[in-house]
N, C-alpha and C. Protein backbone atom coordinates (compact mmCIF):
# COMPACT_ATOMS: atom_id res chain seq x y z
N MET A 1 88.68 107.97 196.73
CA MET A 1 88.36 106.86 195.86
C MET A 1 88.41 107.35 194.41
N ASN A 2 89.19 106.66 193.56
CA ASN A 2 89.30 107.09 192.18
C ASN A 2 88.14 106.56 191.33
N LEU A 3 88.11 106.95 190.08
CA LEU A 3 87.00 106.62 189.19
C LEU A 3 86.88 105.11 188.95
N LYS A 4 88.01 104.45 188.87
CA LYS A 4 88.01 103.00 188.64
C LYS A 4 87.40 102.25 189.84
N ASP A 5 87.73 102.69 191.04
CA ASP A 5 87.16 102.08 192.24
C ASP A 5 85.66 102.33 192.33
N ARG A 6 85.25 103.53 191.97
CA ARG A 6 83.82 103.85 191.99
C ARG A 6 83.04 103.01 190.98
N ALA A 7 83.62 102.81 189.81
CA ALA A 7 82.96 101.98 188.79
C ALA A 7 82.85 100.54 189.27
N ARG A 8 83.88 100.04 189.91
CA ARG A 8 83.87 98.68 190.43
C ARG A 8 82.82 98.54 191.54
N LYS A 9 82.72 99.56 192.39
CA LYS A 9 81.73 99.54 193.46
C LYS A 9 80.32 99.61 192.89
N LEU A 10 80.12 100.43 191.86
CA LEU A 10 78.82 100.54 191.21
C LEU A 10 78.41 99.21 190.59
N LYS A 11 79.37 98.51 190.05
CA LYS A 11 79.12 97.21 189.43
C LYS A 11 78.59 96.20 190.45
N THR A 12 79.02 96.31 191.69
CA THR A 12 78.52 95.40 192.73
C THR A 12 77.28 95.95 193.41
N ASP A 13 77.09 97.27 193.38
CA ASP A 13 75.93 97.87 194.04
C ASP A 13 74.63 97.68 193.25
N ILE A 14 74.69 97.66 191.93
CA ILE A 14 73.47 97.54 191.13
C ILE A 14 72.72 96.24 191.43
N PRO A 15 73.38 95.06 191.43
CA PRO A 15 72.63 93.84 191.79
C PRO A 15 72.11 93.88 193.23
N ALA A 16 72.88 94.49 194.14
CA ALA A 16 72.45 94.57 195.53
C ALA A 16 71.22 95.47 195.66
N VAL A 17 71.17 96.56 194.90
CA VAL A 17 70.00 97.44 194.91
C VAL A 17 68.79 96.69 194.38
N PHE A 18 68.98 95.90 193.33
CA PHE A 18 67.89 95.10 192.78
C PHE A 18 67.34 94.13 193.82
N ILE A 19 68.23 93.49 194.56
CA ILE A 19 67.80 92.56 195.61
C ILE A 19 67.10 93.32 196.73
N ALA A 20 67.60 94.50 197.07
CA ALA A 20 67.00 95.30 198.14
C ALA A 20 65.58 95.73 197.80
N MET A 21 65.30 95.89 196.50
CA MET A 21 63.94 96.26 196.09
C MET A 21 62.91 95.22 196.51
N LYS A 22 63.31 93.98 196.60
CA LYS A 22 62.40 92.89 196.93
C LYS A 22 62.20 92.72 198.44
N ARG A 23 63.04 93.35 199.23
CA ARG A 23 63.00 93.18 200.67
C ARG A 23 61.93 94.07 201.30
N LYS A 24 61.19 93.53 202.24
CA LYS A 24 60.14 94.33 202.89
C LYS A 24 60.73 95.36 203.85
N GLU A 25 61.98 95.18 204.29
CA GLU A 25 62.63 96.13 205.19
C GLU A 25 63.05 97.41 204.47
N THR A 26 63.09 97.36 203.14
CA THR A 26 63.49 98.53 202.36
C THR A 26 62.31 99.49 202.29
N PRO A 27 62.52 100.77 202.62
CA PRO A 27 61.42 101.75 202.56
C PRO A 27 60.89 101.90 201.13
N TRP A 28 59.62 102.26 201.02
CA TRP A 28 58.98 102.37 199.71
C TRP A 28 59.66 103.40 198.82
N TYR A 29 60.14 104.51 199.39
CA TYR A 29 60.77 105.55 198.58
C TYR A 29 62.12 105.08 198.04
N ALA A 30 62.80 104.22 198.77
CA ALA A 30 64.06 103.66 198.26
C ALA A 30 63.76 102.67 197.13
N LYS A 31 62.65 101.93 197.27
CA LYS A 31 62.25 100.99 196.21
C LYS A 31 61.91 101.74 194.93
N VAL A 32 61.20 102.86 195.07
CA VAL A 32 60.84 103.65 193.89
C VAL A 32 62.09 104.18 193.19
N LEU A 33 63.02 104.74 193.95
CA LEU A 33 64.26 105.26 193.37
C LEU A 33 65.09 104.13 192.76
N ALA A 34 65.15 103.00 193.41
CA ALA A 34 65.89 101.86 192.86
C ALA A 34 65.23 101.37 191.57
N GLY A 35 63.91 101.35 191.55
CA GLY A 35 63.19 100.95 190.34
C GLY A 35 63.46 101.89 189.18
N ILE A 36 63.50 103.19 189.48
CA ILE A 36 63.83 104.18 188.45
C ILE A 36 65.24 103.94 187.92
N ALA A 37 66.18 103.68 188.82
CA ALA A 37 67.57 103.45 188.41
C ALA A 37 67.69 102.21 187.54
N ILE A 38 67.06 101.13 187.93
CA ILE A 38 67.15 99.89 187.17
C ILE A 38 66.42 100.03 185.83
N ALA A 39 65.26 100.68 185.84
CA ALA A 39 64.53 100.90 184.59
C ALA A 39 65.35 101.76 183.63
N TYR A 40 66.01 102.79 184.17
CA TYR A 40 66.83 103.65 183.32
C TYR A 40 68.04 102.89 182.79
N ALA A 41 68.63 102.05 183.60
CA ALA A 41 69.80 101.28 183.16
C ALA A 41 69.42 100.29 182.06
N LEU A 42 68.25 99.70 182.14
CA LEU A 42 67.83 98.70 181.16
C LEU A 42 67.08 99.30 179.98
N SER A 43 66.66 100.54 180.09
CA SER A 43 65.86 101.16 179.06
C SER A 43 66.68 101.50 177.81
N PRO A 44 66.11 101.23 176.65
CA PRO A 44 66.81 101.64 175.42
C PRO A 44 66.65 103.13 175.16
N ILE A 45 65.79 103.80 175.92
CA ILE A 45 65.56 105.23 175.75
C ILE A 45 66.33 105.97 176.84
N ASP A 46 67.16 106.94 176.43
CA ASP A 46 67.97 107.72 177.35
C ASP A 46 67.46 109.15 177.43
N LEU A 47 67.83 109.84 178.49
CA LEU A 47 67.49 111.24 178.64
C LEU A 47 68.13 112.04 177.50
N ILE A 48 69.39 111.77 177.23
CA ILE A 48 70.09 112.36 176.09
C ILE A 48 70.47 111.19 175.18
N PRO A 49 69.99 111.17 173.93
CA PRO A 49 70.27 110.03 173.03
C PRO A 49 71.77 109.79 172.85
N ASP A 50 72.14 108.51 172.73
CA ASP A 50 73.55 108.14 172.63
C ASP A 50 74.22 108.59 171.35
N PHE A 51 73.43 108.89 170.30
CA PHE A 51 74.05 109.29 169.04
C PHE A 51 74.60 110.72 169.09
N ILE A 52 74.25 111.49 170.11
CA ILE A 52 74.83 112.83 170.28
C ILE A 52 76.23 112.64 170.86
N PRO A 53 77.25 113.10 170.12
CA PRO A 53 78.63 112.87 170.57
C PRO A 53 78.88 113.39 171.98
N VAL A 54 79.57 112.65 172.76
CA VAL A 54 80.01 112.92 174.13
C VAL A 54 78.84 113.04 175.10
N LEU A 55 77.92 113.96 174.87
CA LEU A 55 76.80 114.17 175.79
C LEU A 55 75.90 112.94 175.91
N GLY A 56 75.75 112.22 174.81
CA GLY A 56 74.89 111.04 174.82
C GLY A 56 75.37 109.96 175.78
N LEU A 57 76.67 109.83 175.91
CA LEU A 57 77.22 108.83 176.83
C LEU A 57 77.40 109.38 178.24
N LEU A 58 77.55 110.68 178.35
CA LEU A 58 77.76 111.28 179.66
C LEU A 58 76.55 111.12 180.57
N ASP A 59 75.34 111.13 180.01
CA ASP A 59 74.18 110.98 180.88
C ASP A 59 74.17 109.60 181.54
N ASP A 60 74.64 108.58 180.81
CA ASP A 60 74.74 107.25 181.41
C ASP A 60 75.84 107.19 182.47
N VAL A 61 76.93 107.88 182.21
CA VAL A 61 78.08 107.86 183.10
C VAL A 61 77.83 108.67 184.37
N ILE A 62 77.04 109.73 184.26
CA ILE A 62 76.80 110.61 185.41
C ILE A 62 75.47 110.31 186.09
N LEU A 63 74.39 110.24 185.33
CA LEU A 63 73.06 110.13 185.90
C LEU A 63 72.83 108.80 186.62
N LEU A 64 73.19 107.71 185.99
CA LEU A 64 72.96 106.39 186.59
C LEU A 64 73.69 106.21 187.92
N PRO A 65 74.99 106.54 188.01
CA PRO A 65 75.65 106.41 189.32
C PRO A 65 75.04 107.29 190.40
N VAL A 66 74.57 108.48 190.03
CA VAL A 66 73.96 109.38 191.01
C VAL A 66 72.66 108.77 191.55
N ILE A 67 71.85 108.21 190.66
CA ILE A 67 70.59 107.60 191.09
C ILE A 67 70.86 106.37 191.96
N ILE A 68 71.81 105.55 191.56
CA ILE A 68 72.16 104.35 192.35
C ILE A 68 72.69 104.77 193.72
N ALA A 69 73.57 105.76 193.76
CA ALA A 69 74.12 106.22 195.05
C ALA A 69 73.02 106.75 195.96
N ALA A 70 72.06 107.47 195.39
CA ALA A 70 70.94 107.99 196.19
C ALA A 70 70.09 106.85 196.73
N ALA A 71 69.85 105.84 195.91
CA ALA A 71 69.06 104.69 196.36
C ALA A 71 69.79 103.94 197.48
N VAL A 72 71.09 103.79 197.34
CA VAL A 72 71.89 103.10 198.36
C VAL A 72 71.81 103.85 199.69
N LYS A 73 71.84 105.18 199.65
CA LYS A 73 71.77 105.97 200.88
C LYS A 73 70.41 105.84 201.57
N LEU A 74 69.35 105.59 200.79
CA LEU A 74 68.01 105.47 201.36
C LEU A 74 67.71 104.09 201.94
N ILE A 75 68.50 103.10 201.54
CA ILE A 75 68.31 101.73 202.03
C ILE A 75 69.04 101.60 203.37
N PRO A 76 68.39 101.04 204.40
CA PRO A 76 69.07 100.86 205.69
C PRO A 76 70.39 100.09 205.51
N LYS A 77 71.41 100.51 206.24
CA LYS A 77 72.75 99.94 206.07
C LYS A 77 72.81 98.43 206.29
N ASP A 78 72.12 97.93 207.31
CA ASP A 78 72.17 96.49 207.57
C ASP A 78 71.47 95.70 206.47
N VAL A 79 70.38 96.24 205.94
CA VAL A 79 69.66 95.57 204.84
C VAL A 79 70.54 95.56 203.61
N PHE A 80 71.19 96.69 203.30
CA PHE A 80 72.03 96.75 202.11
C PHE A 80 73.26 95.86 202.24
N ALA A 81 73.82 95.75 203.42
CA ALA A 81 74.97 94.86 203.62
C ALA A 81 74.58 93.41 203.35
N ASP A 82 73.39 93.03 203.81
CA ASP A 82 72.89 91.68 203.54
C ASP A 82 72.64 91.48 202.03
N CYS A 83 72.11 92.50 201.39
CA CYS A 83 71.85 92.41 199.95
C CYS A 83 73.15 92.31 199.15
N ARG A 84 74.19 92.99 199.61
CA ARG A 84 75.50 92.87 198.96
C ARG A 84 76.04 91.44 199.05
N MET A 85 75.87 90.83 200.22
CA MET A 85 76.33 89.45 200.37
C MET A 85 75.54 88.52 199.45
N GLN A 86 74.23 88.74 199.36
CA GLN A 86 73.41 87.92 198.48
C GLN A 86 73.80 88.12 197.02
N SER A 87 74.08 89.35 196.64
CA SER A 87 74.44 89.62 195.24
C SER A 87 75.79 88.98 194.90
N ALA A 88 76.69 88.90 195.88
CA ALA A 88 77.98 88.25 195.64
C ALA A 88 77.79 86.76 195.36
N GLU A 89 76.76 86.17 195.98
CA GLU A 89 76.48 84.75 195.74
C GLU A 89 75.87 84.53 194.36
N ILE A 90 75.05 85.48 193.92
CA ILE A 90 74.35 85.34 192.64
C ILE A 90 75.22 85.78 191.47
N TRP A 91 75.96 86.87 191.64
CA TRP A 91 76.75 87.44 190.56
C TRP A 91 78.22 87.12 190.74
N SER A 92 78.88 86.82 189.63
CA SER A 92 80.33 86.61 189.67
C SER A 92 80.94 87.30 188.46
N GLY A 93 81.90 88.14 188.69
CA GLY A 93 82.58 88.82 187.59
C GLY A 93 81.67 89.76 186.81
N GLY A 94 80.64 90.31 187.44
CA GLY A 94 79.75 91.24 186.76
C GLY A 94 78.66 90.59 185.95
N LYS A 95 78.59 89.26 185.99
CA LYS A 95 77.56 88.54 185.23
C LYS A 95 76.84 87.60 186.18
N PRO A 96 75.53 87.42 185.96
CA PRO A 96 74.80 86.49 186.82
C PRO A 96 75.25 85.06 186.59
N LYS A 97 75.27 84.27 187.66
CA LYS A 97 75.64 82.86 187.53
C LYS A 97 74.52 82.08 186.84
N LYS A 98 73.30 82.55 186.98
CA LYS A 98 72.16 81.87 186.37
C LYS A 98 71.69 82.69 185.18
N TRP A 99 71.48 82.03 184.05
CA TRP A 99 71.05 82.72 182.85
C TRP A 99 69.63 83.24 182.96
N ILE A 100 68.86 82.75 183.90
CA ILE A 100 67.46 83.13 184.03
C ILE A 100 67.29 84.62 184.32
N TYR A 101 68.31 85.26 184.87
CA TYR A 101 68.22 86.69 185.16
C TYR A 101 68.20 87.53 183.88
N ALA A 102 68.58 86.95 182.77
CA ALA A 102 68.55 87.66 181.49
C ALA A 102 67.18 87.57 180.81
N LEU A 103 66.29 86.75 181.30
CA LEU A 103 64.99 86.55 180.65
C LEU A 103 64.17 87.84 180.47
N PRO A 104 64.05 88.70 181.47
CA PRO A 104 63.26 89.93 181.24
C PRO A 104 63.80 90.77 180.09
N ILE A 105 65.09 90.86 179.96
CA ILE A 105 65.69 91.65 178.88
C ILE A 105 65.43 90.97 177.54
N ILE A 106 65.57 89.65 177.49
CA ILE A 106 65.32 88.91 176.25
C ILE A 106 63.86 89.06 175.83
N VAL A 107 62.94 88.93 176.78
CA VAL A 107 61.52 89.07 176.48
C VAL A 107 61.22 90.48 175.97
N PHE A 108 61.81 91.49 176.59
CA PHE A 108 61.61 92.88 176.15
C PHE A 108 62.03 93.06 174.70
N TRP A 109 63.23 92.59 174.35
CA TRP A 109 63.71 92.77 172.98
C TRP A 109 62.94 91.93 171.99
N LEU A 110 62.49 90.76 172.37
CA LEU A 110 61.65 89.95 171.48
C LEU A 110 60.33 90.67 171.21
N LEU A 111 59.78 91.31 172.22
CA LEU A 111 58.55 92.08 172.05
C LEU A 111 58.77 93.25 171.09
N ILE A 112 59.88 93.95 171.23
CA ILE A 112 60.21 95.06 170.33
C ILE A 112 60.34 94.56 168.89
N VAL A 113 61.05 93.47 168.69
CA VAL A 113 61.22 92.90 167.35
C VAL A 113 59.87 92.48 166.78
N PHE A 114 59.02 91.86 167.59
CA PHE A 114 57.70 91.45 167.16
C PHE A 114 56.87 92.65 166.70
N ILE A 115 56.90 93.72 167.46
CA ILE A 115 56.12 94.92 167.11
C ILE A 115 56.63 95.53 165.81
N ILE A 116 57.93 95.57 165.62
CA ILE A 116 58.50 96.13 164.40
C ILE A 116 58.14 95.25 163.20
N VAL A 117 58.30 93.94 163.34
CA VAL A 117 57.98 93.03 162.24
C VAL A 117 56.49 93.11 161.90
N LYS A 118 55.66 93.18 162.91
CA LYS A 118 54.22 93.27 162.70
C LYS A 118 53.87 94.58 161.97
N ALA A 119 54.52 95.67 162.35
CA ALA A 119 54.25 96.96 161.71
C ALA A 119 54.69 96.97 160.25
N ILE A 120 55.80 96.30 159.95
CA ILE A 120 56.31 96.27 158.58
C ILE A 120 55.53 95.26 157.73
N TRP A 121 55.26 94.13 158.31
CA TRP A 121 54.65 93.03 157.56
C TRP A 121 53.17 93.30 157.28
N PHE A 122 52.48 93.88 158.21
CA PHE A 122 51.04 94.05 158.04
C PHE A 122 50.73 95.45 157.82
């Protein structure tokens, strides 16, 4: 499997891992690892900051797929297959069909902006 195929597979696995986190059939340790992967993917803070040339982006390119792959291996195969089918219904072309899935990210950034404005203004 080449790099392009792996990236395409990762693009479909991330929503499926998120769905698997909500399932009671998913073991707790897989949920923890999936939570770490999703938190790291959405976090503005990286292990290696992005402003460091090459290395800053490599941690996203290497670390995130490794964590996602490990989480996928810990989730039972039948549960993950079902989650993949569910994610295909929710996601199309790498974007959610419903805008409501973007709300946590929007709320997070609004909170950051509020804290910065409050710190500067007061």
